[in-house]
PDB file of N, CA and C in Angstrom:
ATOM      1  N   MET A   1     260.368 295.712 148.784  1.00  0.00           N
ATOM      2  CA  MET A   1     259.912 294.805 147.755  1.00  0.00           C
ATOM      3  C   MET A   1     258.382 294.759 147.789  1.00  0.00           C
ATOM      4  N   GLY A   2     257.743 294.938 146.651  1.00  0.00           N
ATOM      5  CA  GLY A   2     256.286 294.964 146.571  1.00  0.00           C
ATOM      6  C   GLY A   2     255.673 293.574 146.576  1.00  0.00           C
ATOM      7  N   ASN A   3     254.404 293.547 146.838  1.00  0.00           N
ATOM      8  CA  ASN A   3     253.660 292.287 146.833  1.00  0.00           C
ATOM      9  C   ASN A   3     253.186 292.034 145.411  1.00  0.00           C
ATOM     10  N   ASP A   4     253.633 290.931 144.810  1.00  0.00           N
ATOM     11  CA  ASP A   4     253.244 290.631 143.437  1.00  0.00           C
ATOM     12  C   ASP A   4     251.963 289.812 143.344  1.00  0.00           C
ATOM     13  N   LYS A   5     251.311 289.557 144.462  1.00  0.00           N
ATOM     14  CA  LYS A   5     250.048 288.818 144.483  1.00  0.00           C
ATOM     15  C   LYS A   5     248.896 289.805 144.272  1.00  0.00           C
ATOM     16  N   PRO A   6     247.903 289.443 143.460  1.00  0.00           N
ATOM     17  CA  PRO A   6     246.743 290.321 143.283  1.00  0.00           C
ATOM     18  C   PRO A   6     246.058 290.614 144.619  1.00  0.00           C
ATOM     19  N   CYS A   7     245.783 291.853 144.880  1.00  0.00           N
ATOM     20  CA  CYS A   7     245.068 292.301 146.090  1.00  0.00           C
ATOM     21  C   CYS A   7     245.777 291.879 147.380  1.00  0.00           C
ATOM     22  N   GLY A   8     247.056 291.585 147.303  1.00  0.00           N
ATOM     23  CA  GLY A   8     247.785 291.211 148.507  1.00  0.00           C
ATOM     24  C   GLY A   8     247.247 289.966 149.173  1.00  0.00           C
ATOM     25  N   GLU A   9     246.638 289.074 148.403  1.00  0.00           N
ATOM     26  CA  GLU A   9     246.036 287.835 148.911  1.00  0.00           C
ATOM     27  C   GLU A   9     244.938 288.105 149.931  1.00  0.00           C
ATOM     28  N   LYS A  10     244.269 289.229 149.810  1.00  0.00           N
ATOM     29  CA  LYS A  10     243.185 289.579 150.736  1.00  0.00           C
ATOM     30  C   LYS A  10     241.849 289.487 150.015  1.00  0.00           C
ATOM     31  N   PHE A  11     240.856 289.091 150.761  1.00  0.00           N
ATOM     32  CA  PHE A  11     239.485 289.062 150.253  1.00  0.00           C
ATOM     33  C   PHE A  11     238.803 290.318 150.772  1.00  0.00           C
ATOM     34  N   ILE A  12     238.377 291.180 149.875  1.00  0.00           N
ATOM     35  CA  ILE A  12     237.764 292.441 150.290  1.00  0.00           C
ATOM     36  C   ILE A  12     236.327 292.517 149.791  1.00  0.00           C
ATOM     37  N   ASP A  13     235.541 293.354 150.462  1.00  0.00           N
ATOM     38  CA  ASP A  13     234.111 293.404 150.133  1.00  0.00           C
ATOM     39  C   ASP A  13     233.835 293.931 148.726  1.00  0.00           C
ATOM     40  N   ASP A  14     234.794 294.578 148.086  1.00  0.00           N
ATOM     41  CA  ASP A  14     234.600 295.026 146.707  1.00  0.00           C
ATOM     42  C   ASP A  14     234.461 293.854 145.734  1.00  0.00           C
ATOM     43  N   PHE A  15     234.852 292.659 146.158  1.00  0.00           N
ATOM     44  CA  PHE A  15     234.732 291.474 145.308  1.00  0.00           C
ATOM     45  C   PHE A  15     233.291 290.975 145.232  1.00  0.00           C
ATOM     46  N   LEU A  16     232.428 291.455 146.108  1.00  0.00           N
ATOM     47  CA  LEU A  16     231.067 290.935 146.234  1.00  0.00           C
ATOM     48  C   LEU A  16     230.040 291.937 145.737  1.00  0.00           C
ATOM     49  N   ASN A  17     228.932 291.406 145.230  1.00  0.00           N
ATOM     50  CA  ASN A  17     227.813 292.288 144.923  1.00  0.00           C
ATOM     51  C   ASN A  17     227.058 292.568 146.228  1.00  0.00           C
ATOM     52  N   GLU A  18     226.013 293.363 146.154  1.00  0.00           N
ATOM     53  CA  GLU A  18     225.276 293.765 147.354  1.00  0.00           C
ATOM     54  C   GLU A  18     224.718 292.562 148.118  1.00  0.00           C
ATOM     55  N   GLU A  19     224.149 291.617 147.397  1.00  0.00           N
ATOM     56  CA  GLU A  19     223.578 290.436 148.040  1.00  0.00           C
ATOM     57  C   GLU A  19     224.671 289.570 148.676  1.00  0.00           C
ATOM     58  N   GLY A  20     225.761 289.370 147.963  1.00  0.00           N
ATOM     59  CA  GLY A  20     226.869 288.581 148.496  1.00  0.00           C
ATOM     60  C   GLY A  20     227.451 289.196 149.750  1.00  0.00           C
ATOM     61  N   LEU A  21     227.572 290.511 149.770  1.00  0.00           N
ATOM     62  CA  LEU A  21     228.094 291.197 150.948  1.00  0.00           C
ATOM     63  C   LEU A  21     227.127 291.078 152.122  1.00  0.00           C
ATOM     64  N   ALA A  22     225.834 291.202 151.860  1.00  0.00           N
ATOM     65  CA  ALA A  22     224.836 291.072 152.934  1.00  0.00           C
ATOM     66  C   ALA A  22     224.880 289.671 153.545  1.00  0.00           C
ATOM     67  N   PHE A  23     224.971 288.641 152.704  1.00  0.00           N
ATOM     68  CA  PHE A  23     225.054 287.279 153.231  1.00  0.00           C
ATOM     69  C   PHE A  23     226.342 287.074 154.018  1.00  0.00           C
ATOM     70  N   THR A  24     227.443 287.559 153.491  1.00  0.00           N
ATOM     71  CA  THR A  24     228.731 287.396 154.170  1.00  0.00           C
ATOM     72  C   THR A  24     228.706 288.041 155.545  1.00  0.00           C
ATOM     73  N   LYS A  25     228.155 289.238 155.624  1.00  0.00           N
ATOM     74  CA  LYS A  25     228.059 289.908 156.930  1.00  0.00           C
ATOM     75  C   LYS A  25     227.165 289.115 157.881  1.00  0.00           C
ATOM     76  N   PHE A  26     226.054 288.599 157.378  1.00  0.00           N
ATOM     77  CA  PHE A  26     225.167 287.779 158.204  1.00  0.00           C
ATOM     78  C   PHE A  26     225.876 286.522 158.694  1.00  0.00           C
ATOM     79  N   TYR A  27     226.586 285.856 157.804  1.00  0.00           N
ATOM     80  CA  TYR A  27     227.152 284.543 158.111  1.00  0.00           C
ATOM     81  C   TYR A  27     228.393 284.617 158.997  1.00  0.00           C
ATOM     82  N   TYR A  28     229.199 285.638 158.808  1.00  0.00           N
ATOM     83  CA  TYR A  28     230.445 285.719 159.565  1.00  0.00           C
ATOM     84  C   TYR A  28     230.350 286.590 160.808  1.00  0.00           C
ATOM     85  N   LEU A  29     229.406 287.513 160.851  1.00  0.00           N
ATOM     86  CA  LEU A  29     229.225 288.371 162.022  1.00  0.00           C
ATOM     87  C   LEU A  29     227.752 288.462 162.357  1.00  0.00           C
ATOM     88  N   ASN A  30     227.441 288.481 163.638  1.00  0.00           N
ATOM     89  CA  ASN A  30     226.045 288.685 164.014  1.00  0.00           C
ATOM     90  C   ASN A  30     225.781 290.181 164.172  1.00  0.00           C
ATOM     91  N   ALA A  31     224.589 290.546 164.563  1.00  0.00           N
ATOM     92  CA  ALA A  31     224.204 291.950 164.676  1.00  0.00           C
ATOM     93  C   ALA A  31     225.044 292.709 165.704  1.00  0.00           C
ATOM     94  N   LYS A  32     225.612 292.001 166.658  1.00  0.00           N
ATOM     95  CA  LYS A  32     226.445 292.631 167.689  1.00  0.00           C
ATOM     96  C   LYS A  32     227.909 292.748 167.263  1.00  0.00           C
ATOM     97  N   GLY A  33     228.230 292.294 166.063  1.00  0.00           N
ATOM     98  CA  GLY A  33     229.607 292.323 165.602  1.00  0.00           C
ATOM     99  C   GLY A  33     230.439 291.166 166.119  1.00  0.00           C
ATOM    100  N   GLU A  34     229.768 290.166 166.678  1.00  0.00           N
ATOM    101  CA  GLU A  34     230.440 288.966 167.174  1.00  0.00           C
ATOM    102  C   GLU A  34     230.404 287.906 166.077  1.00  0.00           C
ATOM    103  N   TYR A  35     231.081 286.793 166.325  1.00  0.00           N
ATOM    104  CA  TYR A  35     231.083 285.718 165.333  1.00  0.00           C
ATOM    105  C   TYR A  35     229.661 285.274 165.012  1.00  0.00           C
ATOM    106  N   GLY A  36     229.409 285.074 163.728  1.00  0.00           N
ATOM    107  CA  GLY A  36     228.109 284.594 163.289  1.00  0.00           C
ATOM    108  C   GLY A  36     228.055 283.076 163.271  1.00  0.00           C
ATOM    109  N   LYS A  37     227.307 282.533 162.348  1.00  0.00           N
ATOM    110  CA  LYS A  37     227.062 281.092 162.287  1.00  0.00           C
ATOM    111  C   LYS A  37     228.214 280.300 161.658  1.00  0.00           C
ATOM    112  N   TYR A  38     229.130 280.970 160.971  1.00  0.00           N
ATOM    113  CA  TYR A  38     230.181 280.248 160.254  1.00  0.00           C
ATOM    114  C   TYR A  38     231.023 279.370 161.171  1.00  0.00           C
ATOM    115  N   LEU A  39     231.523 279.912 162.259  1.00  0.00           N
ATOM    116  CA  LEU A  39     232.387 279.119 163.138  1.00  0.00           C
ATOM    117  C   LEU A  39     231.650 277.938 163.749  1.00  0.00           C
ATOM    118  N   THR A  40     230.386 278.136 164.088  1.00  0.00           N
ATOM    119  CA  THR A  40     229.587 277.022 164.606  1.00  0.00           C
ATOM    120  C   THR A  40     229.436 275.946 163.539  1.00  0.00           C
ATOM    121  N   ASP A  41     229.124 276.354 162.319  1.00  0.00           N
ATOM    122  CA  ASP A  41     228.997 275.394 161.221  1.00  0.00           C
ATOM    123  C   ASP A  41     230.319 274.679 160.960  1.00  0.00           C
ATOM    124  N   TYR A  42     231.409 275.412 161.024  1.00  0.00           N
ATOM    125  CA  TYR A  42     232.734 274.828 160.802  1.00  0.00           C
ATOM    126  C   TYR A  42     233.028 273.768 161.855  1.00  0.00           C
ATOM    127  N   GLN A  43     232.740 274.115 163.107  1.00  0.00           N
ATOM    128  CA  GLN A  43     232.967 273.172 164.213  1.00  0.00           C
ATOM    129  C   GLN A  43     232.096 271.925 164.055  1.00  0.00           C
ATOM    130  N   LEU A  44     230.815 272.115 163.784  1.00  0.00           N
ATOM    131  CA  LEU A  44     229.899 270.979 163.688  1.00  0.00           C
ATOM    132  C   LEU A  44     230.142 270.129 162.441  1.00  0.00           C
ATOM    133  N   THR A  45     230.554 270.759 161.359  1.00  0.00           N
ATOM    134  CA  THR A  45     230.760 270.039 160.107  1.00  0.00           C
ATOM    135  C   THR A  45     232.103 269.318 160.061  1.00  0.00           C
ATOM    136  N   LEU A  46     233.144 269.963 160.572  1.00  0.00           N
ATOM    137  CA  LEU A  46     234.491 269.412 160.412  1.00  0.00           C
ATOM    138  C   LEU A  46     235.247 269.163 161.711  1.00  0.00           C
ATOM    139  N   GLY A  47     234.885 269.835 162.779  1.00  0.00           N
ATOM    140  CA  GLY A  47     235.750 269.857 163.947  1.00  0.00           C
ATOM    141  C   GLY A  47     235.436 268.922 165.080  1.00  0.00           C
ATOM    142  N   ARG A  48     234.478 268.069 164.931  1.00  0.00           N
ATOM    143  CA  ARG A  48     234.070 267.215 166.061  1.00  0.00           C
ATOM    144  C   ARG A  48     235.171 266.289 166.565  1.00  0.00           C
ATOM    145  N   LYS A  49     236.052 265.853 165.699  1.00  0.00           N
ATOM    146  CA  LYS A  49     237.068 264.892 166.135  1.00  0.00           C
ATOM    147  C   LYS A  49     238.431 265.543 166.406  1.00  0.00           C
ATOM    148  N   TYR A  50     238.454 266.862 166.490  1.00  0.00           N
ATOM    149  CA  TYR A  50     239.705 267.576 166.739  1.00  0.00           C
ATOM    150  C   TYR A  50     239.601 268.386 168.030  1.00  0.00           C
ATOM    151  N   ASP A  51     240.730 268.555 168.696  1.00  0.00           N
ATOM    152  CA  ASP A  51     240.772 269.372 169.910  1.00  0.00           C
ATOM    153  C   ASP A  51     240.702 270.859 169.589  1.00  0.00           C
ATOM    154  N   SER A  52     241.145 271.227 168.409  1.00  0.00           N
ATOM    155  CA  SER A  52     241.188 272.628 168.000  1.00  0.00           C
ATOM    156  C   SER A  52     240.783 272.739 166.535  1.00  0.00           C
ATOM    157  N   LEU A  53     240.124 273.831 166.184  1.00  0.00           N
ATOM    158  CA  LEU A  53     239.762 274.058 164.784  1.00  0.00           C
ATOM    159  C   LEU A  53     240.999 274.212 163.908  1.00  0.00           C
ATOM    160  N   TYR A  54     242.106 274.618 164.504  1.00  0.00           N
ATOM    161  CA  TYR A  54     243.350 274.785 163.749  1.00  0.00           C
ATOM    162  C   TYR A  54     243.935 273.451 163.281  1.00  0.00           C
ATOM    163  N   GLU A  55     243.492 272.357 163.851  1.00  0.00           N
ATOM    164  CA  GLU A  55     243.993 271.028 163.481  1.00  0.00           C
ATOM    165  C   GLU A  55     243.286 270.441 162.261  1.00  0.00           C
ATOM    166  N   ILE A  56     242.195 271.026 161.840  1.00  0.00           N
ATOM    167  CA  ILE A  56     241.415 270.479 160.726  1.00  0.00           C
ATOM    168  C   ILE A  56     242.227 270.592 159.434  1.00  0.00           C
ATOM    169  N   PRO A  57     242.444 269.479 158.754  1.00  0.00           N
ATOM    170  CA  PRO A  57     243.261 269.511 157.537  1.00  0.00           C
ATOM    171  C   PRO A  57     242.568 270.245 156.388  1.00  0.00           C
ATOM    172  N   ASN A  58     243.368 270.906 155.594  1.00  0.00           N
ATOM    173  CA  ASN A  58     242.896 271.612 154.415  1.00  0.00           C
ATOM    174  C   ASN A  58     242.873 270.618 153.255  1.00  0.00           C
ATOM    175  N   THR A  59     241.729 269.928 153.098  1.00  0.00           N
ATOM    176  CA  THR A  59     241.603 268.899 152.063  1.00  0.00           C
ATOM    177  C   THR A  59     240.420 269.201 151.156  1.00  0.00           C
ATOM    178  N   GLN A  60     240.414 268.581 150.009  1.00  0.00           N
ATOM    179  CA  GLN A  60     239.290 268.743 149.083  1.00  0.00           C
ATOM    180  C   GLN A  60     237.997 268.227 149.710  1.00  0.00           C
ATOM    181  N   GLU A  61     238.087 267.125 150.429  1.00  0.00           N
ATOM    182  CA  GLU A  61     236.901 266.565 151.087  1.00  0.00           C
ATOM    183  C   GLU A  61     236.310 267.564 152.088  1.00  0.00           C
ATOM    184  N   ASN A  62     237.152 268.182 152.895  1.00  0.00           N
ATOM    185  CA  ASN A  62     236.667 269.167 153.863  1.00  0.00           C
ATOM    186  C   ASN A  62     236.114 270.402 153.163  1.00  0.00           C
ATOM    187  N   TYR A  63     236.762 270.819 152.094  1.00  0.00           N
ATOM    188  CA  TYR A  63     236.254 271.938 151.303  1.00  0.00           C
ATOM    189  C   TYR A  63     234.851 271.626 150.785  1.00  0.00           C
ATOM    190  N   ASP A  64     234.681 270.434 150.239  1.00  0.00           N
ATOM    191  CA  ASP A  64     233.380 270.036 149.693  1.00  0.00           C
ATOM    192  C   ASP A  64     232.306 270.006 150.778  1.00  0.00           C
ATOM    193  N   ARG A  65     232.654 269.518 151.942  1.00  0.00           N
ATOM    194  CA  ARG A  65     231.685 269.456 153.045  1.00  0.00           C
ATOM    195  C   ARG A  65     231.270 270.862 153.485  1.00  0.00           C
ATOM    196  N   MET A  66     232.241 271.760 153.629  1.00  0.00           N
ATOM    197  CA  MET A  66     231.903 273.127 154.034  1.00  0.00           C
ATOM    198  C   MET A  66     231.166 273.868 152.924  1.00  0.00           C
ATOM    199  N   SER A  67     231.508 273.573 151.692  1.00  0.00           N
ATOM    200  CA  SER A  67     230.820 274.195 150.566  1.00  0.00           C
ATOM    201  C   SER A  67     229.329 273.868 150.594  1.00  0.00           C
ATOM    202  N   LYS A  68     229.009 272.619 150.897  1.00  0.00           N
ATOM    203  CA  LYS A  68     227.600 272.217 151.007  1.00  0.00           C
ATOM    204  C   LYS A  68     226.913 272.947 152.157  1.00  0.00           C
ATOM    205  N   MET A  69     227.599 273.079 153.277  1.00  0.00           N
ATOM    206  CA  MET A  69     227.023 273.769 154.432  1.00  0.00           C
ATOM    207  C   MET A  69     226.782 275.245 154.120  1.00  0.00           C
ATOM    208  N   ILE A  70     227.766 275.897 153.517  1.00  0.00           N
ATOM    209  CA  ILE A  70     227.621 277.316 153.188  1.00  0.00           C
ATOM    210  C   ILE A  70     226.501 277.507 152.176  1.00  0.00           C
ATOM    211  N   SER A  71     226.408 276.631 151.190  1.00  0.00           N
ATOM    212  CA  SER A  71     225.321 276.719 150.200  1.00  0.00           C
ATOM    213  C   SER A  71     223.965 276.559 150.868  1.00  0.00           C
ATOM    214  N   TRP A  72     223.863 275.629 151.798  1.00  0.00           N
ATOM    215  CA  TRP A  72     222.611 275.421 152.528  1.00  0.00           C
ATOM    216  C   TRP A  72     222.256 276.671 153.333  1.00  0.00           C
ATOM    217  N   ARG A  73     223.241 277.229 154.045  1.00  0.00           N
ATOM    218  CA  ARG A  73     222.998 278.456 154.821  1.00  0.00           C
ATOM    219  C   ARG A  73     222.564 279.595 153.913  1.00  0.00           C
ATOM    220  N   TYR A  74     223.195 279.713 152.746  1.00  0.00           N
ATOM    221  CA  TYR A  74     222.856 280.783 151.815  1.00  0.00           C
ATOM    222  C   TYR A  74     221.413 280.650 151.331  1.00  0.00           C
ATOM    223  N   LYS A  75     221.023 279.440 150.959  1.00  0.00           N
ATOM    224  CA  LYS A  75     219.646 279.229 150.499  1.00  0.00           C
ATOM    225  C   LYS A  75     218.644 279.556 151.599  1.00  0.00           C
ATOM    226  N   LYS A  76     218.956 279.140 152.805  1.00  0.00           N
ATOM    227  CA  LYS A  76     218.080 279.425 153.941  1.00  0.00           C
ATOM    228  C   LYS A  76     218.010 280.934 154.197  1.00  0.00           C
ATOM    229  N   TRP A  77     219.144 281.606 154.177  1.00  0.00           N
ATOM    230  CA  TRP A  77     219.204 283.057 154.377  1.00  0.00           C
ATOM    231  C   TRP A  77     218.447 283.787 153.267  1.00  0.00           C
ATOM    232  N   LYS A  78     218.648 283.364 152.031  1.00  0.00           N
ATOM    233  CA  LYS A  78     218.004 284.022 150.892  1.00  0.00           C
ATOM    234  C   LYS A  78     216.485 283.902 150.983  1.00  0.00           C
ATOM    235  N   LYS A  79     216.017 282.712 151.345  1.00  0.00           N
ATOM    236  CA  LYS A  79     214.576 282.505 151.486  1.00  0.00           C
ATOM    237  C   LYS A  79     214.018 283.419 152.575  1.00  0.00           C
ATOM    238  N   LYS A  80     214.712 283.493 153.691  1.00  0.00           N
ATOM    239  CA  LYS A  80     214.258 284.325 154.804  1.00  0.00           C
ATOM    240  C   LYS A  80     214.344 285.810 154.457  1.00  0.00           C
ATOM    241  N   SER A  81     215.442 286.234 153.832  1.00  0.00           N
ATOM    242  CA  SER A  81     215.597 287.655 153.522  1.00  0.00           C
ATOM    243  C   SER A  81     214.640 288.092 152.421  1.00  0.00           C
ATOM    244  N   ASN A  82     214.340 287.218 151.467  1.00  0.00           N
ATOM    245  CA  ASN A  82     213.379 287.566 150.414  1.00  0.00           C
ATOM    246  C   ASN A  82     211.972 287.701 150.974  1.00  0.00           C
ATOM    247  N   SER A  83     211.642 286.901 151.962  1.00  0.00           N
ATOM    248  CA  SER A  83     210.287 286.947 152.505  1.00  0.00           C
ATOM    249  C   SER A  83     210.049 288.204 153.339  1.00  0.00           C
ATOM    250  N   ARG A  84     211.106 288.833 153.847  1.00  0.00           N
ATOM    251  CA  ARG A  84     210.932 290.032 154.670  1.00  0.00           C
ATOM    252  C   ARG A  84     210.352 291.196 153.887  1.00  0.00           C
ATOM    253  N   TRP A  85     210.852 291.420 152.689  1.00  0.00           N
ATOM    254  CA  TRP A  85     210.375 292.578 151.956  1.00  0.00           C
ATOM    255  C   TRP A  85     209.136 292.281 151.119  1.00  0.00           C
ATOM    256  N   LYS A  86     208.699 291.040 151.084  1.00  0.00           N
ATOM    257  CA  LYS A  86     207.485 290.676 150.354  1.00  0.00           C
ATOM    258  C   LYS A  86     206.335 290.366 151.311  1.00  0.00           C
ATOM    259  N   PHE A  87     206.363 290.962 152.494  1.00  0.00           N
ATOM    260  CA  PHE A  87     205.353 290.639 153.508  1.00  0.00           C
ATOM    261  C   PHE A  87     203.936 290.923 153.033  1.00  0.00           C
ATOM    262  N   TRP A  88     203.764 291.903 152.163  1.00  0.00           N
ATOM    263  CA  TRP A  88     202.421 292.247 151.704  1.00  0.00           C
ATOM    264  C   TRP A  88     201.869 291.231 150.709  1.00  0.00           C
ATOM    265  N   LYS A  89     202.710 290.337 150.190  1.00  0.00           N
ATOM    266  CA  LYS A  89     202.264 289.338 149.224  1.00  0.00           C
ATOM    267  C   LYS A  89     201.909 288.011 149.876  1.00  0.00           C
ATOM    268  N   ARG A  90     202.074 287.909 151.167  1.00  0.00           N
ATOM    269  CA  ARG A  90     201.754 286.650 151.850  1.00  0.00           C
ATOM    270  C   ARG A  90     200.268 286.379 151.791  1.00  0.00           C
ATOM    271  N   LYS A  91     199.944 285.103 151.683  1.00  0.00           N
ATOM    272  CA  LYS A  91     198.531 284.709 151.594  1.00  0.00           C
ATOM    273  C   LYS A  91     197.991 284.354 152.941  1.00  0.00           C
TER     274      LYS A  91
END
């Protein structure tokens, strides 16, 4: 029996543009291929009152909180990554 869900319910890098993929790799994996900042942000944003990250409820409130954190990380990453290739324009 085939999977009738689009893309087998998987998120693949073809869904992202070049910038989105670069941020995703930065945020979820570090340069060594280990966990990046996402799990730390998840723990600090949502997991302080739980013994395990698996206990955190899947709620709209938690989604909204993580969405704000990810947006903040993205803006910070974008500012830093944009400044790297514009080094000759610094005053």
